[in-house]
Structures are given as C-alpha cells and as structure tokens.
C-alpha cells in the first residue's frame, strides 16, 4: 500500500481537514473567490490553486480529489450559462 508523502509540517489531519472543507464548499469557496468575482479573477484563482494542489507538485494522494474539485468548479463557473444556472441554484 503506497502511503501519501507529506511535506515538512504537513500532517494527515491537515489533509483530512482539506478534504472535508472541499466536500462542504460551494464552487466559489473551492476557488477561494467571491460570488461577484469576474471571469478573469476566477481564472487566476483556478491557476493558482491548480499549481498549488497539482498531484505532481506535492505527491499527496488527496490532491487528485482536490484537483477534480477545482476542475469541476472552474468548468462550471467559467461558462456564463452554467454559472448563471449555478447561481440560481445557490439562491434557491
């Protein structure tokens, strides 16, 4: 069984907390943006977080899930039609 490798100062509990926070987050929270953020801001946030959490970067097993969440959030919020539907869903 391959174990996740952690950088100095990183603990398994931190990774678990990151997991939980992504499970309970809206797409805006996943991208760490305000709901009123412009498309360019969302794109910058996505790229910053993708570099930070890319599986090849830190080699955490959990980064695959985090990257999937980032990709899903950006895919929805970067499309104006999907973003409108998502915002309407959040308001309901």
C-alpha atoms as a PDB file:
ATOM      1  CA  UNK A   1       0.000   0.000   0.000  1.00  0.00           C
ATOM      2  CA  UNK A   2       1.502   3.310  -1.078  1.00  0.00           C
ATOM      3  CA  UNK A   3       1.250   5.985   1.587  1.00  0.00           C
ATOM      4  CA  UNK A   4       0.851   9.690   0.921  1.00  0.00           C
ATOM      5  CA  UNK A   5       4.025  11.693   1.372  1.00  0.00           C
ATOM      6  CA  UNK A   6       3.747  14.931   3.304  1.00  0.00           C
ATOM      7  CA  UNK A   7       5.948  17.979   3.172  1.00  0.00           C
ATOM      8  CA  UNK A   8       7.607  19.122   6.358  1.00  0.00           C
ATOM      9  CA  UNK A   9       4.963  20.488   8.717  1.00  0.00           C
ATOM     10  CA  UNK A  10       2.115  18.789   6.851  1.00  0.00           C
ATOM     11  CA  UNK A  11       0.110  16.214   8.770  1.00  0.00           C
ATOM     12  CA  UNK A  12      -2.510  13.677   7.830  1.00  0.00           C
ATOM     13  CA  UNK A  13      -5.100  15.617   9.840  1.00  0.00           C
ATOM     14  CA  UNK A  14      -4.448  18.716   7.693  1.00  0.00           C
ATOM     15  CA  UNK A  15      -5.147  16.706   4.548  1.00  0.00           C
ATOM     16  CA  UNK A  16      -8.334  15.301   6.091  1.00  0.00           C
ATOM     17  CA  UNK A  17      -9.463  18.821   7.005  1.00  0.00           C
ATOM     18  CA  UNK A  18      -8.804  19.960   3.424  1.00  0.00           C
ATOM     19  CA  UNK A  19     -10.907  17.016   2.198  1.00  0.00           C
ATOM     20  CA  UNK A  20     -13.797  17.906   4.496  1.00  0.00           C
ATOM     21  CA  UNK A  21     -13.699  21.564   3.569  1.00  0.00           C
ATOM     22  CA  UNK A  22     -13.902  20.704  -0.146  1.00  0.00           C
ATOM     23  CA  UNK A  23     -16.853  18.392   0.465  1.00  0.00           C
ATOM     24  CA  UNK A  24     -18.801  21.171   2.177  1.00  0.00           C
ATOM     25  CA  UNK A  25     -17.837  24.041  -0.136  1.00  0.00           C
ATOM     26  CA  UNK A  26     -19.545  25.864  -2.936  1.00  0.00           C
ATOM     27  CA  UNK A  27     -17.642  26.235  -6.181  1.00  0.00           C
ATOM     28  CA  UNK A  28     -16.820  29.809  -5.205  1.00  0.00           C
ATOM     29  CA  UNK A  29     -15.314  28.606  -1.930  1.00  0.00           C
ATOM     30  CA  UNK A  30     -13.357  25.904  -3.744  1.00  0.00           C
ATOM     31  CA  UNK A  31     -11.785  28.608  -5.920  1.00  0.00           C
ATOM     32  CA  UNK A  32     -11.482  30.962  -2.916  1.00  0.00           C
ATOM     33  CA  UNK A  33     -13.390  33.708  -4.744  1.00  0.00           C
ATOM     34  CA  UNK A  34     -16.330  35.948  -4.025  1.00  0.00           C
ATOM     35  CA  UNK A  35     -19.544  35.229  -5.842  1.00  0.00           C
ATOM     36  CA  UNK A  36     -19.221  38.558  -7.642  1.00  0.00           C
ATOM     37  CA  UNK A  37     -15.744  37.697  -8.985  1.00  0.00           C
ATOM     38  CA  UNK A  38     -15.036  38.473 -12.630  1.00  0.00           C
ATOM     39  CA  UNK A  39     -14.169  35.685 -15.058  1.00  0.00           C
ATOM     40  CA  UNK A  40     -10.518  36.774 -15.088  1.00  0.00           C
ATOM     41  CA  UNK A  41     -10.370  36.560 -11.288  1.00  0.00           C
ATOM     42  CA  UNK A  42     -11.825  33.051 -11.344  1.00  0.00           C
ATOM     43  CA  UNK A  43      -9.252  32.021 -13.950  1.00  0.00           C
ATOM     44  CA  UNK A  44      -6.360  33.422 -11.888  1.00  0.00           C
ATOM     45  CA  UNK A  45      -7.631  31.687  -8.760  1.00  0.00           C
ATOM     46  CA  UNK A  46      -8.014  28.390 -10.610  1.00  0.00           C
ATOM     47  CA  UNK A  47      -4.479  28.531 -11.987  1.00  0.00           C
ATOM     48  CA  UNK A  48      -3.001  29.494  -8.609  1.00  0.00           C
ATOM     49  CA  UNK A  49      -4.786  26.667  -6.806  1.00  0.00           C
ATOM     50  CA  UNK A  50      -4.120  24.148  -9.582  1.00  0.00           C
ATOM     51  CA  UNK A  51      -0.392  24.816  -9.286  1.00  0.00           C
ATOM     52  CA  UNK A  52      -0.592  24.520  -5.508  1.00  0.00           C
ATOM     53  CA  UNK A  53      -2.587  21.272  -5.435  1.00  0.00           C
ATOM     54  CA  UNK A  54      -1.394  19.506  -8.579  1.00  0.00           C
ATOM     55  CA  UNK A  55      -0.674  15.835  -7.735  1.00  0.00           C
ATOM     56  CA  UNK A  56       2.782  16.009  -9.290  1.00  0.00           C
ATOM     57  CA  UNK A  57       3.653  19.026  -7.168  1.00  0.00           C
ATOM     58  CA  UNK A  58       3.261  17.654  -3.633  1.00  0.00           C
ATOM     59  CA  UNK A  59       2.533  13.995  -4.347  1.00  0.00           C
ATOM     60  CA  UNK A  60      -0.392  13.755  -1.894  1.00  0.00           C
ATOM     61  CA  UNK A  61      -2.936  11.086  -2.696  1.00  0.00           C
ATOM     62  CA  UNK A  62      -5.685  13.555  -1.762  1.00  0.00           C
ATOM     63  CA  UNK A  63      -4.556  16.041  -4.404  1.00  0.00           C
ATOM     64  CA  UNK A  64      -6.303  14.007  -7.120  1.00  0.00           C
ATOM     65  CA  UNK A  65      -9.629  14.671  -5.409  1.00  0.00           C
ATOM     66  CA  UNK A  66      -8.799  18.321  -4.786  1.00  0.00           C
ATOM     67  CA  UNK A  67      -7.814  18.791  -8.439  1.00  0.00           C
ATOM     68  CA  UNK A  68     -11.062  17.162  -9.531  1.00  0.00           C
ATOM     69  CA  UNK A  69     -12.991  19.632  -7.344  1.00  0.00           C
ATOM     70  CA  UNK A  70     -11.004  22.576  -8.718  1.00  0.00           C
ATOM     71  CA  UNK A  71     -11.582  21.424 -12.301  1.00  0.00           C
ATOM     72  CA  UNK A  72     -15.298  20.921 -11.719  1.00  0.00           C
ATOM     73  CA  UNK A  73     -15.681  24.314 -10.038  1.00  0.00           C
ATOM     74  CA  UNK A  74     -13.789  26.132 -12.777  1.00  0.00           C
ATOM     75  CA  UNK A  75     -15.606  24.285 -15.558  1.00  0.00           C
ATOM     76  CA  UNK A  76     -18.985  25.410 -14.203  1.00  0.00           C
ATOM     77  CA  UNK A  77     -18.038  28.949 -13.195  1.00  0.00           C
ATOM     78  CA  UNK A  78     -16.058  29.737 -16.359  1.00  0.00           C
ATOM     79  CA  UNK A  79     -19.091  29.119 -18.574  1.00  0.00           C
ATOM     80  CA  UNK A  80     -21.517  32.068 -18.288  1.00  0.00           C
ATOM     81  CA  UNK A  81     -24.602  29.888 -18.859  1.00  0.00           C
ATOM     82  CA  UNK A  82     -23.584  27.251 -16.322  1.00  0.00           C
ATOM     83  CA  UNK A  83     -22.573  29.955 -13.845  1.00  0.00           C
ATOM     84  CA  UNK A  84     -26.000  31.593 -14.143  1.00  0.00           C
ATOM     85  CA  UNK A  85     -27.732  28.260 -13.513  1.00  0.00           C
ATOM     86  CA  UNK A  86     -25.404  27.506 -10.603  1.00  0.00           C
ATOM     87  CA  UNK A  87     -26.050  30.924  -9.029  1.00  0.00           C
ATOM     88  CA  UNK A  88     -29.791  30.401  -9.388  1.00  0.00           C
ATOM     89  CA  UNK A  89     -29.429  27.010  -7.705  1.00  0.00           C
ATOM     90  CA  UNK A  90     -27.488  28.599  -4.824  1.00  0.00           C
ATOM     91  CA  UNK A  91     -30.255  31.163  -4.376  1.00  0.00           C
ATOM     92  CA  UNK A  92     -32.991  28.549  -4.195  1.00  0.00           C
END
